[in-house]
């Protein structure tokens, strides 16, 4: 059996040689000529902490093939409130996906659960507080570097309490967001993941975040 024919086992970190360049099996990327698979997980085992970092002591578990996150314990919340740090008290599920390439494609099936949208949540951070995508009921907003530039669009929207297929492609100057087939291309000279290696998932207070599967590629 050659290296090219070795099977990929879900839930494990796959180290690929340059010869093993995996194209997106669902569709061709729009911002890249080719891609190299970095990480794939269907959550049929324990959480891969080489790629995931739980934040704010929120509660995350893998169960029946789904990664599910919810709020932190009452004890942790009370401790953080007593310290005057309510913003990081873990009322919402927060987790980081690490080892994200500077140019990347990420596709996943996910859902944010909660009673109602909040002004700043749910969101995805591409790079820590660098490219912040906030999902609202009527608009999706990309804020770059907190206040350098803000771009809002009416589609695609991310519905609450519903499974959706999400694909994100990011190359310097361009960010393509696709949700259940609807897409928008954000373009700005400020879009740049240089020095950033993570995607942050942040849900709604007292809600949950679920991820069914995820794949991450480096854009070439």
N, C-alpha and C. Protein backbone atom coordinates (compact mmCIF):
# COMPACT_ATOMS: atom_id res chain seq x y z
N UNK A 1 0.85 -1.20 0.00
CA UNK A 1 0.00 0.00 0.00
C UNK A 1 0.88 1.24 0.00
N UNK A 2 0.68 2.13 -0.95
CA UNK A 2 1.46 3.36 -1.01
C UNK A 2 0.90 4.38 -0.05
N UNK A 3 1.73 5.40 0.23
CA UNK A 3 1.27 6.45 1.14
C UNK A 3 0.03 7.14 0.62
N UNK A 4 -0.11 7.23 -0.71
CA UNK A 4 -1.26 7.89 -1.29
C UNK A 4 -2.54 7.14 -1.00
N UNK A 5 -2.46 5.83 -0.79
CA UNK A 5 -3.65 5.02 -0.58
C UNK A 5 -3.96 4.76 0.88
N UNK A 6 -3.18 5.32 1.79
CA UNK A 6 -3.45 5.10 3.20
C UNK A 6 -4.80 5.69 3.57
N UNK A 7 -5.61 4.97 4.38
CA UNK A 7 -6.92 5.50 4.78
C UNK A 7 -6.77 6.63 5.77
N UNK A 8 -7.75 7.53 5.78
CA UNK A 8 -7.80 8.61 6.75
C UNK A 8 -8.76 8.22 7.86
N UNK A 9 -8.31 8.22 9.09
CA UNK A 9 -9.15 7.84 10.21
C UNK A 9 -9.69 9.10 10.87
N UNK A 10 -11.00 9.26 10.89
CA UNK A 10 -11.63 10.45 11.45
C UNK A 10 -11.34 10.53 12.94
N UNK A 11 -11.18 11.78 13.41
CA UNK A 11 -10.92 12.00 14.82
C UNK A 11 -9.44 12.03 15.15
N UNK A 12 -8.58 11.71 14.13
CA UNK A 12 -7.15 11.71 14.36
C UNK A 12 -6.51 12.82 13.56
N UNK A 13 -5.41 13.36 14.06
CA UNK A 13 -4.66 14.35 13.32
C UNK A 13 -3.96 13.66 12.16
N UNK A 14 -4.11 14.18 10.95
CA UNK A 14 -3.52 13.57 9.78
C UNK A 14 -2.35 14.42 9.31
N UNK A 15 -1.17 13.87 9.32
CA UNK A 15 0.00 14.57 8.83
C UNK A 15 0.16 14.22 7.36
N UNK A 16 0.00 15.20 6.47
CA UNK A 16 0.05 14.94 5.05
C UNK A 16 1.38 15.41 4.47
N UNK A 17 1.96 14.61 3.60
CA UNK A 17 3.15 15.02 2.88
C UNK A 17 2.72 15.93 1.75
N UNK A 18 3.64 16.70 1.15
CA UNK A 18 3.26 17.57 0.05
C UNK A 18 2.59 16.84 -1.10
N UNK A 19 2.91 15.55 -1.27
CA UNK A 19 2.30 14.78 -2.37
C UNK A 19 0.84 14.47 -2.10
N UNK A 20 0.44 14.50 -0.82
CA UNK A 20 -0.94 14.16 -0.47
C UNK A 20 -1.77 15.43 -0.35
N UNK A 21 -2.01 16.07 -1.45
CA UNK A 21 -2.79 17.31 -1.46
C UNK A 21 -4.24 16.97 -1.73
N UNK A 22 -5.07 17.20 -0.74
CA UNK A 22 -6.47 16.79 -0.83
C UNK A 22 -7.33 17.97 -1.26
N UNK A 23 -7.98 17.84 -2.38
CA UNK A 23 -8.93 18.86 -2.81
C UNK A 23 -10.19 18.73 -1.98
N UNK A 24 -10.89 19.84 -1.83
CA UNK A 24 -12.19 19.83 -1.16
C UNK A 24 -13.09 18.82 -1.85
N UNK A 25 -13.54 17.75 -1.15
CA UNK A 25 -14.32 16.71 -1.80
C UNK A 25 -15.73 17.15 -2.17
N UNK A 26 -16.22 18.24 -1.60
CA UNK A 26 -17.59 18.67 -1.86
C UNK A 26 -17.67 19.63 -3.05
N UNK A 27 -16.71 20.53 -3.16
CA UNK A 27 -16.74 21.53 -4.21
C UNK A 27 -15.35 22.12 -4.36
N UNK A 28 -15.10 22.73 -5.50
CA UNK A 28 -13.81 23.36 -5.72
C UNK A 28 -13.75 24.68 -4.97
N UNK A 29 -12.61 24.98 -4.34
CA UNK A 29 -12.49 26.28 -3.67
C UNK A 29 -12.53 27.40 -4.70
N UNK A 30 -13.01 28.56 -4.30
CA UNK A 30 -13.13 29.69 -5.21
C UNK A 30 -11.95 30.66 -5.12
N UNK A 31 -11.25 30.67 -3.98
CA UNK A 31 -10.14 31.60 -3.81
C UNK A 31 -8.78 30.95 -4.03
N UNK A 32 -8.76 29.62 -4.23
CA UNK A 32 -7.49 28.92 -4.35
C UNK A 32 -7.53 27.93 -5.51
N UNK A 33 -6.39 27.69 -6.11
CA UNK A 33 -6.30 26.70 -7.18
C UNK A 33 -6.31 25.28 -6.62
N UNK A 34 -5.76 25.11 -5.44
CA UNK A 34 -5.75 23.80 -4.80
C UNK A 34 -5.68 23.98 -3.30
N UNK A 35 -5.88 22.88 -2.55
CA UNK A 35 -5.85 22.92 -1.09
C UNK A 35 -5.12 21.71 -0.55
N UNK A 36 -4.63 21.84 0.68
CA UNK A 36 -3.98 20.72 1.38
C UNK A 36 -4.72 20.48 2.68
N UNK A 37 -5.21 19.26 2.87
CA UNK A 37 -5.96 18.96 4.08
C UNK A 37 -5.08 19.06 5.32
N UNK A 38 -5.53 19.83 6.30
CA UNK A 38 -4.81 20.03 7.55
C UNK A 38 -5.44 19.22 8.68
N UNK A 39 -6.77 19.20 8.72
CA UNK A 39 -7.46 18.57 9.85
C UNK A 39 -8.87 18.19 9.43
N UNK A 40 -9.31 17.03 9.89
CA UNK A 40 -10.67 16.55 9.64
C UNK A 40 -11.16 15.81 10.88
N UNK A 41 -12.42 16.05 11.25
CA UNK A 41 -12.94 15.40 12.45
C UNK A 41 -14.44 15.18 12.31
N UNK A 42 -14.88 13.98 12.60
CA UNK A 42 -16.31 13.66 12.67
C UNK A 42 -16.75 13.39 14.10
N UNK A 43 -15.86 13.65 15.04
CA UNK A 43 -16.17 13.58 16.47
C UNK A 43 -16.74 12.22 16.87
N UNK A 44 -15.99 11.19 16.50
CA UNK A 44 -16.35 9.85 16.93
C UNK A 44 -15.38 9.34 18.00
N UNK A 45 -14.69 10.26 18.65
CA UNK A 45 -13.77 9.91 19.73
C UNK A 45 -13.68 11.08 20.70
N UNK A 46 -12.60 11.13 21.47
CA UNK A 46 -12.44 12.22 22.42
C UNK A 46 -12.04 13.50 21.68
N UNK A 47 -12.19 14.65 22.35
CA UNK A 47 -11.86 15.93 21.76
C UNK A 47 -10.37 16.01 21.49
N UNK A 48 -10.01 16.37 20.25
CA UNK A 48 -8.61 16.48 19.86
C UNK A 48 -8.06 17.82 20.33
N UNK A 49 -7.36 17.81 21.46
CA UNK A 49 -6.89 19.06 22.05
C UNK A 49 -5.67 19.63 21.33
N UNK A 50 -5.13 18.91 20.34
CA UNK A 50 -4.10 19.50 19.50
C UNK A 50 -4.70 20.61 18.63
N UNK A 51 -5.99 20.49 18.35
CA UNK A 51 -6.65 21.45 17.48
C UNK A 51 -7.72 22.29 18.18
N UNK A 52 -8.16 21.87 19.36
CA UNK A 52 -9.24 22.57 20.04
C UNK A 52 -8.79 23.05 21.41
N UNK A 53 -9.21 24.25 21.78
CA UNK A 53 -8.93 24.79 23.12
C UNK A 53 -10.22 25.36 23.70
N UNK A 54 -10.69 24.76 24.78
CA UNK A 54 -11.90 25.24 25.45
C UNK A 54 -11.58 26.51 26.22
N UNK A 55 -12.47 27.50 26.12
CA UNK A 55 -12.23 28.78 26.75
C UNK A 55 -13.34 29.12 27.74
N UNK A 56 -13.01 30.01 28.69
CA UNK A 56 -13.94 30.52 29.70
C UNK A 56 -14.58 29.40 30.51
N UNK A 57 -13.87 28.29 30.62
CA UNK A 57 -14.37 27.12 31.38
C UNK A 57 -15.77 26.69 30.93
N UNK A 58 -16.12 27.03 29.69
CA UNK A 58 -17.41 26.55 29.18
C UNK A 58 -17.34 25.03 29.04
N UNK A 59 -18.49 24.40 28.97
CA UNK A 59 -18.58 22.94 29.01
C UNK A 59 -18.70 22.38 27.60
N UNK A 60 -17.75 21.51 27.24
CA UNK A 60 -17.76 20.90 25.90
C UNK A 60 -17.63 19.39 26.02
N UNK A 61 -18.40 18.67 25.24
CA UNK A 61 -18.31 17.21 25.25
C UNK A 61 -18.63 16.66 23.87
N UNK A 62 -18.03 15.53 23.57
CA UNK A 62 -18.32 14.81 22.33
C UNK A 62 -19.28 13.68 22.67
N UNK A 63 -20.45 13.69 22.03
CA UNK A 63 -21.45 12.68 22.32
C UNK A 63 -22.22 12.34 21.05
N UNK A 64 -22.26 11.06 20.72
CA UNK A 64 -22.99 10.57 19.56
C UNK A 64 -22.58 11.31 18.29
N UNK A 65 -21.27 11.53 18.15
CA UNK A 65 -20.74 12.11 16.92
C UNK A 65 -20.91 13.61 16.79
N UNK A 66 -21.24 14.30 17.87
CA UNK A 66 -21.44 15.74 17.82
C UNK A 66 -20.66 16.40 18.96
N UNK A 67 -19.91 17.46 18.63
CA UNK A 67 -19.25 18.27 19.64
C UNK A 67 -20.24 19.34 20.10
N UNK A 68 -20.55 19.33 21.40
CA UNK A 68 -21.55 20.26 21.94
C UNK A 68 -20.96 21.08 23.07
N UNK A 69 -21.16 22.40 22.98
CA UNK A 69 -20.67 23.30 24.01
C UNK A 69 -21.81 24.06 24.67
N UNK A 70 -21.70 24.27 25.97
CA UNK A 70 -22.69 25.04 26.72
C UNK A 70 -21.95 25.89 27.76
N UNK A 71 -22.71 26.57 28.61
CA UNK A 71 -22.13 27.52 29.55
C UNK A 71 -21.24 26.83 30.60
N UNK A 72 -20.48 27.64 31.31
CA UNK A 72 -19.61 27.14 32.37
C UNK A 72 -20.43 26.81 33.61
N UNK A 73 -19.76 26.27 34.61
CA UNK A 73 -20.44 25.93 35.86
C UNK A 73 -20.86 27.17 36.61
N UNK A 74 -21.85 27.04 37.48
CA UNK A 74 -22.30 28.16 38.30
C UNK A 74 -21.17 28.68 39.20
N UNK A 75 -20.35 27.77 39.69
CA UNK A 75 -19.24 28.17 40.57
C UNK A 75 -18.26 29.07 39.82
N UNK A 76 -17.93 28.71 38.57
CA UNK A 76 -16.99 29.52 37.80
C UNK A 76 -17.60 30.88 37.50
N UNK A 77 -18.88 30.92 37.15
CA UNK A 77 -19.53 32.18 36.84
C UNK A 77 -19.52 33.11 38.05
N UNK A 78 -19.84 32.57 39.22
CA UNK A 78 -19.86 33.39 40.43
C UNK A 78 -18.47 33.90 40.76
N UNK A 79 -17.44 33.07 40.55
CA UNK A 79 -16.06 33.49 40.82
C UNK A 79 -15.66 34.65 39.92
N UNK A 80 -15.99 34.56 38.63
CA UNK A 80 -15.61 35.61 37.69
C UNK A 80 -16.39 36.89 37.94
N UNK A 81 -17.65 36.77 38.31
CA UNK A 81 -18.45 37.96 38.62
C UNK A 81 -17.88 38.67 39.85
N UNK A 82 -17.47 37.88 40.84
CA UNK A 82 -16.87 38.45 42.05
C UNK A 82 -15.57 39.19 41.73
N UNK A 83 -14.86 38.74 40.69
CA UNK A 83 -13.61 39.39 40.27
C UNK A 83 -13.88 40.60 39.39
N UNK A 84 -15.14 40.83 39.04
CA UNK A 84 -15.49 41.95 38.18
C UNK A 84 -15.29 41.67 36.70
N UNK A 85 -15.23 40.39 36.33
CA UNK A 85 -15.00 40.01 34.93
C UNK A 85 -16.19 39.21 34.40
N UNK A 86 -17.32 39.86 34.35
CA UNK A 86 -18.54 39.20 33.89
C UNK A 86 -18.45 38.81 32.41
N UNK A 87 -17.66 39.56 31.63
CA UNK A 87 -17.55 39.29 30.20
C UNK A 87 -16.93 37.93 29.91
N UNK A 88 -16.13 37.43 30.83
CA UNK A 88 -15.46 36.15 30.63
C UNK A 88 -15.94 35.10 31.64
N UNK A 89 -17.17 35.23 32.07
CA UNK A 89 -17.70 34.34 33.10
C UNK A 89 -18.23 33.03 32.54
N UNK A 90 -18.20 32.87 31.24
CA UNK A 90 -18.61 31.60 30.65
C UNK A 90 -20.11 31.40 30.52
N UNK A 91 -20.85 32.48 30.38
CA UNK A 91 -22.29 32.32 30.17
C UNK A 91 -22.59 31.70 28.80
N UNK A 92 -21.65 31.88 27.88
CA UNK A 92 -21.81 31.34 26.53
C UNK A 92 -20.74 30.30 26.26
N UNK A 93 -21.00 29.35 25.35
CA UNK A 93 -19.95 28.40 24.97
C UNK A 93 -18.90 29.08 24.11
N UNK A 94 -17.63 28.85 24.43
CA UNK A 94 -16.52 29.43 23.68
C UNK A 94 -15.47 28.36 23.47
N UNK A 95 -15.02 28.21 22.23
CA UNK A 95 -13.96 27.25 21.93
C UNK A 95 -13.14 27.78 20.76
N UNK A 96 -11.84 27.47 20.77
CA UNK A 96 -10.95 27.89 19.68
C UNK A 96 -10.53 26.69 18.86
N UNK A 97 -10.58 26.85 17.53
CA UNK A 97 -9.95 25.89 16.62
C UNK A 97 -8.56 26.43 16.31
N UNK A 98 -7.53 25.64 16.58
CA UNK A 98 -6.15 26.10 16.44
C UNK A 98 -5.50 25.52 15.18
N UNK A 99 -4.27 25.95 14.94
CA UNK A 99 -3.47 25.51 13.79
C UNK A 99 -4.14 25.86 12.46
N UNK A 100 -4.83 26.98 12.43
CA UNK A 100 -5.48 27.43 11.21
C UNK A 100 -4.46 28.12 10.31
N UNK A 101 -4.33 27.71 9.06
CA UNK A 101 -3.36 28.34 8.16
C UNK A 101 -3.70 29.80 7.86
N UNK A 102 -2.72 30.53 7.40
CA UNK A 102 -2.91 31.93 7.05
C UNK A 102 -3.91 32.09 5.91
N UNK A 103 -3.84 31.19 4.94
CA UNK A 103 -4.81 31.11 3.85
C UNK A 103 -5.53 29.78 4.01
N UNK A 104 -6.85 29.79 4.12
CA UNK A 104 -7.52 28.55 4.48
C UNK A 104 -8.91 28.43 3.88
N UNK A 105 -9.38 27.19 3.89
CA UNK A 105 -10.78 26.85 3.64
C UNK A 105 -11.23 26.01 4.82
N UNK A 106 -12.35 26.37 5.41
CA UNK A 106 -12.91 25.60 6.52
C UNK A 106 -14.37 25.32 6.22
N UNK A 107 -14.76 24.05 6.24
CA UNK A 107 -16.16 23.70 6.04
C UNK A 107 -16.64 22.89 7.23
N UNK A 108 -17.87 23.13 7.65
CA UNK A 108 -18.40 22.42 8.81
C UNK A 108 -19.92 22.44 8.77
N UNK A 109 -20.50 21.49 9.49
CA UNK A 109 -21.94 21.47 9.72
C UNK A 109 -22.14 21.82 11.19
N UNK A 110 -22.91 22.87 11.46
CA UNK A 110 -22.97 23.38 12.82
C UNK A 110 -24.33 24.00 13.08
N UNK A 111 -24.56 24.33 14.36
CA UNK A 111 -25.74 25.09 14.74
C UNK A 111 -25.47 25.85 16.03
N UNK A 112 -26.00 27.06 16.10
CA UNK A 112 -26.01 27.83 17.33
C UNK A 112 -27.43 27.78 17.88
N UNK A 113 -27.57 27.39 19.13
CA UNK A 113 -28.87 27.29 19.77
C UNK A 113 -29.03 28.38 20.83
N UNK A 114 -30.22 28.96 20.90
CA UNK A 114 -30.50 29.99 21.88
C UNK A 114 -31.88 30.57 21.67
N UNK A 115 -32.32 31.37 22.63
CA UNK A 115 -33.67 31.93 22.54
C UNK A 115 -33.76 33.08 21.56
N UNK A 116 -32.72 33.90 21.45
CA UNK A 116 -32.78 35.06 20.56
C UNK A 116 -31.36 35.54 20.25
N UNK A 117 -31.21 36.19 19.11
CA UNK A 117 -29.93 36.80 18.79
C UNK A 117 -29.60 37.88 19.80
N UNK A 118 -28.30 38.05 20.06
CA UNK A 118 -27.84 39.11 20.94
C UNK A 118 -27.03 40.10 20.12
N UNK A 119 -26.81 41.33 20.59
CA UNK A 119 -26.13 42.36 19.78
C UNK A 119 -24.78 41.93 19.22
N UNK A 120 -24.02 41.11 19.98
CA UNK A 120 -22.68 40.73 19.53
C UNK A 120 -22.51 39.22 19.35
N UNK A 121 -23.57 38.47 19.53
CA UNK A 121 -23.44 37.01 19.48
C UNK A 121 -24.69 36.41 18.84
N UNK A 122 -24.58 35.26 18.19
CA UNK A 122 -23.40 34.40 18.06
C UNK A 122 -22.41 34.95 17.04
N UNK A 123 -21.19 34.46 17.12
CA UNK A 123 -20.18 34.97 16.20
C UNK A 123 -19.11 33.92 15.91
N UNK A 124 -18.36 34.19 14.87
CA UNK A 124 -17.14 33.48 14.53
C UNK A 124 -16.04 34.52 14.41
N UNK A 125 -14.92 34.29 15.09
CA UNK A 125 -13.73 35.13 14.95
C UNK A 125 -12.71 34.39 14.10
N UNK A 126 -12.34 34.96 12.98
CA UNK A 126 -11.28 34.39 12.14
C UNK A 126 -10.00 35.13 12.49
N UNK A 127 -9.17 34.49 13.33
CA UNK A 127 -8.12 35.22 14.00
C UNK A 127 -8.75 35.84 15.24
N UNK A 128 -8.00 35.98 16.31
CA UNK A 128 -8.59 36.44 17.57
C UNK A 128 -8.89 37.93 17.50
N UNK A 129 -10.19 38.28 17.40
CA UNK A 129 -10.64 39.67 17.30
C UNK A 129 -10.09 40.37 16.05
N UNK A 130 -9.84 39.61 14.99
CA UNK A 130 -9.32 40.20 13.76
C UNK A 130 -10.40 40.33 12.70
N UNK A 131 -11.06 39.21 12.37
CA UNK A 131 -12.19 39.25 11.44
C UNK A 131 -13.39 38.66 12.18
N UNK A 132 -14.24 39.50 12.73
CA UNK A 132 -15.34 39.07 13.57
C UNK A 132 -16.63 39.06 12.77
N UNK A 133 -17.20 37.87 12.60
CA UNK A 133 -18.46 37.72 11.89
C UNK A 133 -19.57 37.55 12.92
N UNK A 134 -20.47 38.53 13.01
CA UNK A 134 -21.60 38.47 13.93
C UNK A 134 -22.86 38.18 13.14
N UNK A 135 -23.60 37.18 13.59
CA UNK A 135 -24.81 36.76 12.89
C UNK A 135 -26.04 37.36 13.57
N UNK A 136 -26.79 38.14 12.84
CA UNK A 136 -28.02 38.71 13.34
C UNK A 136 -29.22 38.12 12.63
N UNK A 137 -30.38 38.53 13.06
CA UNK A 137 -31.61 38.01 12.46
C UNK A 137 -31.81 38.52 11.03
N UNK A 138 -31.34 39.75 10.76
CA UNK A 138 -31.56 40.35 9.45
C UNK A 138 -30.28 40.69 8.71
N UNK A 139 -29.16 40.72 9.39
CA UNK A 139 -27.89 41.05 8.75
C UNK A 139 -26.77 40.18 9.30
N UNK A 140 -25.77 39.99 8.49
CA UNK A 140 -24.51 39.38 8.90
C UNK A 140 -23.44 40.45 8.78
N UNK A 141 -22.67 40.66 9.84
CA UNK A 141 -21.72 41.78 9.88
C UNK A 141 -20.30 41.29 10.08
N UNK A 142 -19.41 41.74 9.23
CA UNK A 142 -17.98 41.48 9.38
C UNK A 142 -17.32 42.75 9.91
N UNK A 143 -16.71 42.65 11.09
CA UNK A 143 -15.96 43.76 11.66
C UNK A 143 -14.49 43.37 11.67
N UNK A 144 -13.65 44.21 11.10
CA UNK A 144 -12.23 43.89 10.96
C UNK A 144 -11.41 44.67 11.99
N UNK A 145 -10.65 43.94 12.78
CA UNK A 145 -9.76 44.52 13.79
C UNK A 145 -10.52 45.47 14.71
N UNK A 146 -11.66 45.02 15.15
CA UNK A 146 -12.54 45.68 16.13
C UNK A 146 -13.24 46.93 15.59
N UNK A 147 -12.50 47.84 14.97
CA UNK A 147 -13.17 49.06 14.49
C UNK A 147 -12.53 49.65 13.24
N UNK A 148 -11.64 48.91 12.60
CA UNK A 148 -10.98 49.44 11.40
C UNK A 148 -11.95 49.53 10.24
N UNK A 149 -12.79 48.50 10.10
CA UNK A 149 -13.75 48.49 8.99
C UNK A 149 -14.91 47.57 9.36
N UNK A 150 -16.13 47.97 8.99
CA UNK A 150 -17.32 47.16 9.24
C UNK A 150 -18.11 47.02 7.95
N UNK A 151 -18.44 45.77 7.62
CA UNK A 151 -19.18 45.47 6.40
C UNK A 151 -20.39 44.63 6.77
N UNK A 152 -21.60 45.06 6.37
CA UNK A 152 -22.82 44.33 6.69
C UNK A 152 -23.53 43.91 5.41
N UNK A 153 -24.12 42.72 5.43
CA UNK A 153 -24.86 42.20 4.28
C UNK A 153 -26.16 41.56 4.77
N UNK A 154 -27.13 41.48 3.88
CA UNK A 154 -28.42 40.88 4.22
C UNK A 154 -28.44 39.38 3.99
N UNK A 155 -27.45 38.85 3.30
CA UNK A 155 -27.34 37.41 3.08
C UNK A 155 -25.88 37.07 2.83
N UNK A 156 -25.38 35.92 3.27
CA UNK A 156 -26.12 34.85 3.92
C UNK A 156 -26.34 35.10 5.41
N UNK A 157 -27.45 34.60 5.92
CA UNK A 157 -27.75 34.66 7.34
C UNK A 157 -27.57 33.28 7.95
N UNK A 158 -27.27 33.25 9.24
CA UNK A 158 -27.15 31.99 9.97
C UNK A 158 -28.34 31.88 10.93
N UNK A 159 -29.27 30.96 10.67
CA UNK A 159 -30.44 30.83 11.54
C UNK A 159 -30.09 30.15 12.86
N UNK A 160 -30.79 30.53 13.92
CA UNK A 160 -30.62 29.86 15.20
C UNK A 160 -31.39 28.54 15.23
N UNK A 161 -30.91 27.63 16.07
CA UNK A 161 -31.63 26.37 16.35
C UNK A 161 -31.87 25.55 15.09
N UNK A 162 -30.90 25.59 14.19
CA UNK A 162 -31.05 24.87 12.92
C UNK A 162 -29.68 24.47 12.40
N UNK A 163 -29.54 23.23 11.94
CA UNK A 163 -28.29 22.78 11.36
C UNK A 163 -28.05 23.48 10.03
N UNK A 164 -26.82 23.96 9.82
CA UNK A 164 -26.47 24.61 8.56
C UNK A 164 -25.07 24.14 8.13
N UNK A 165 -24.85 24.17 6.83
CA UNK A 165 -23.52 23.89 6.26
C UNK A 165 -22.83 25.22 6.02
N UNK A 166 -21.66 25.38 6.62
CA UNK A 166 -20.92 26.63 6.54
C UNK A 166 -19.56 26.37 5.90
N UNK A 167 -19.19 27.21 4.94
CA UNK A 167 -17.86 27.17 4.36
C UNK A 167 -17.27 28.57 4.40
N UNK A 168 -16.03 28.65 4.84
CA UNK A 168 -15.32 29.93 4.89
C UNK A 168 -14.00 29.76 4.13
N UNK A 169 -13.75 30.67 3.21
CA UNK A 169 -12.46 30.74 2.55
C UNK A 169 -11.86 32.10 2.84
N UNK A 170 -10.58 32.12 3.20
CA UNK A 170 -9.93 33.40 3.47
C UNK A 170 -8.55 33.42 2.82
N UNK A 171 -8.37 34.42 1.98
CA UNK A 171 -7.09 34.73 1.37
C UNK A 171 -6.86 36.22 1.58
N UNK A 172 -5.63 36.65 1.61
CA UNK A 172 -5.36 38.07 1.88
C UNK A 172 -6.17 38.95 0.94
N UNK A 173 -7.01 39.81 1.52
CA UNK A 173 -7.85 40.71 0.76
C UNK A 173 -9.25 40.20 0.47
N UNK A 174 -9.51 38.91 0.73
CA UNK A 174 -10.83 38.33 0.40
C UNK A 174 -11.27 37.34 1.46
N UNK A 175 -12.57 37.37 1.75
CA UNK A 175 -13.18 36.41 2.67
C UNK A 175 -14.52 35.98 2.08
N UNK A 176 -14.62 34.70 1.76
CA UNK A 176 -15.84 34.16 1.18
C UNK A 176 -16.60 33.39 2.25
N UNK A 177 -17.84 33.78 2.50
CA UNK A 177 -18.69 33.12 3.49
C UNK A 177 -19.86 32.48 2.77
N UNK A 178 -20.06 31.20 3.02
CA UNK A 178 -21.16 30.47 2.39
C UNK A 178 -21.94 29.73 3.47
N UNK A 179 -23.27 29.89 3.48
CA UNK A 179 -24.15 29.22 4.43
C UNK A 179 -25.28 28.58 3.66
N UNK A 180 -25.35 27.26 3.70
CA UNK A 180 -26.39 26.51 2.98
C UNK A 180 -26.51 26.96 1.53
N UNK A 181 -25.36 27.13 0.87
CA UNK A 181 -25.34 27.44 -0.55
C UNK A 181 -25.39 28.92 -0.89
N UNK A 182 -25.85 29.77 0.04
CA UNK A 182 -25.87 31.21 -0.20
C UNK A 182 -24.53 31.79 0.23
N UNK A 183 -24.01 32.72 -0.55
CA UNK A 183 -22.65 33.18 -0.26
C UNK A 183 -22.50 34.68 -0.49
N UNK A 184 -21.44 35.20 0.14
CA UNK A 184 -21.06 36.60 -0.08
C UNK A 184 -19.54 36.67 -0.01
N UNK A 185 -18.96 37.44 -0.92
CA UNK A 185 -17.52 37.66 -0.94
C UNK A 185 -17.22 39.03 -0.37
N UNK A 186 -16.59 39.06 0.81
CA UNK A 186 -16.12 40.30 1.41
C UNK A 186 -14.72 40.59 0.85
N UNK A 187 -14.50 41.80 0.45
CA UNK A 187 -13.18 42.19 -0.05
C UNK A 187 -12.73 43.47 0.63
N UNK A 188 -11.50 43.44 1.13
CA UNK A 188 -10.93 44.59 1.82
C UNK A 188 -9.43 44.40 1.94
N UNK A 189 -8.70 45.49 1.84
CA UNK A 189 -7.25 45.42 2.02
C UNK A 189 -6.88 45.04 3.46
N UNK A 190 -7.85 45.15 4.38
CA UNK A 190 -7.58 44.84 5.79
C UNK A 190 -7.78 43.36 6.12
N UNK A 191 -8.33 42.59 5.20
CA UNK A 191 -8.51 41.15 5.45
C UNK A 191 -7.16 40.46 5.33
N UNK A 192 -6.67 39.94 6.44
CA UNK A 192 -5.31 39.38 6.47
C UNK A 192 -5.15 38.56 7.75
N UNK A 193 -4.82 37.29 7.60
CA UNK A 193 -4.63 36.40 8.75
C UNK A 193 -3.17 36.25 9.17
N UNK A 194 -2.30 37.11 8.67
CA UNK A 194 -0.89 37.02 9.04
C UNK A 194 -0.73 37.07 10.56
N UNK A 195 -0.03 36.08 11.10
CA UNK A 195 0.21 36.02 12.54
C UNK A 195 -0.94 35.44 13.33
N UNK A 196 -2.02 35.05 12.65
CA UNK A 196 -3.19 34.47 13.34
C UNK A 196 -3.30 32.99 12.98
N UNK A 197 -3.70 32.16 13.94
CA UNK A 197 -3.77 30.72 13.70
C UNK A 197 -4.99 30.09 14.35
N UNK A 198 -6.11 30.82 14.41
CA UNK A 198 -7.26 30.25 15.10
C UNK A 198 -8.57 30.78 14.57
N UNK A 199 -9.63 30.01 14.81
CA UNK A 199 -11.01 30.42 14.59
C UNK A 199 -11.72 30.26 15.93
N UNK A 200 -12.39 31.32 16.38
CA UNK A 200 -13.10 31.29 17.66
C UNK A 200 -14.59 31.09 17.41
N UNK A 201 -15.19 30.15 18.12
CA UNK A 201 -16.63 29.93 18.08
C UNK A 201 -17.21 30.46 19.39
N UNK A 202 -18.14 31.40 19.31
CA UNK A 202 -18.76 31.98 20.50
C UNK A 202 -20.27 32.00 20.31
N UNK A 203 -20.96 31.36 21.22
CA UNK A 203 -22.41 31.24 21.12
C UNK A 203 -23.15 32.32 21.89
N UNK A 204 -24.39 32.04 22.18
CA UNK A 204 -25.29 32.95 22.86
C UNK A 204 -25.31 32.63 24.35
N UNK A 205 -25.46 33.64 25.20
CA UNK A 205 -25.56 33.41 26.64
C UNK A 205 -26.63 32.36 26.94
N UNK A 206 -26.24 31.35 27.72
CA UNK A 206 -27.12 30.27 28.17
C UNK A 206 -27.61 29.38 27.01
N UNK A 207 -27.00 29.56 25.83
CA UNK A 207 -27.32 28.70 24.69
C UNK A 207 -26.24 27.65 24.49
N UNK A 208 -26.22 27.05 23.32
CA UNK A 208 -25.24 26.01 23.04
C UNK A 208 -24.74 26.13 21.60
N UNK A 209 -23.61 25.52 21.35
CA UNK A 209 -23.02 25.43 20.01
C UNK A 209 -22.77 23.97 19.72
N UNK A 210 -23.14 23.51 18.52
CA UNK A 210 -22.94 22.12 18.13
C UNK A 210 -22.23 22.06 16.79
N UNK A 211 -21.27 21.15 16.69
CA UNK A 211 -20.54 20.92 15.44
C UNK A 211 -20.60 19.44 15.13
N UNK A 212 -21.12 19.11 13.95
CA UNK A 212 -21.30 17.72 13.55
C UNK A 212 -20.04 17.16 12.90
N UNK A 213 -19.43 17.95 12.04
CA UNK A 213 -18.14 17.55 11.44
C UNK A 213 -17.45 18.82 10.96
N UNK A 214 -16.15 18.73 10.76
CA UNK A 214 -15.37 19.89 10.34
C UNK A 214 -14.18 19.43 9.52
N UNK A 215 -13.84 20.23 8.51
CA UNK A 215 -12.64 19.99 7.72
C UNK A 215 -11.93 21.32 7.50
N UNK A 216 -10.63 21.28 7.56
CA UNK A 216 -9.80 22.48 7.44
C UNK A 216 -8.68 22.21 6.44
N UNK A 217 -8.57 23.10 5.45
CA UNK A 217 -7.53 22.98 4.44
C UNK A 217 -6.67 24.24 4.43
N UNK A 218 -5.43 24.08 4.00
CA UNK A 218 -4.59 25.23 3.67
C UNK A 218 -4.84 25.57 2.21
N UNK A 219 -5.06 26.85 1.93
CA UNK A 219 -5.24 27.29 0.55
C UNK A 219 -3.90 27.48 -0.12
N UNK A 220 -3.74 26.92 -1.33
CA UNK A 220 -2.46 26.96 -2.04
C UNK A 220 -2.58 27.76 -3.33
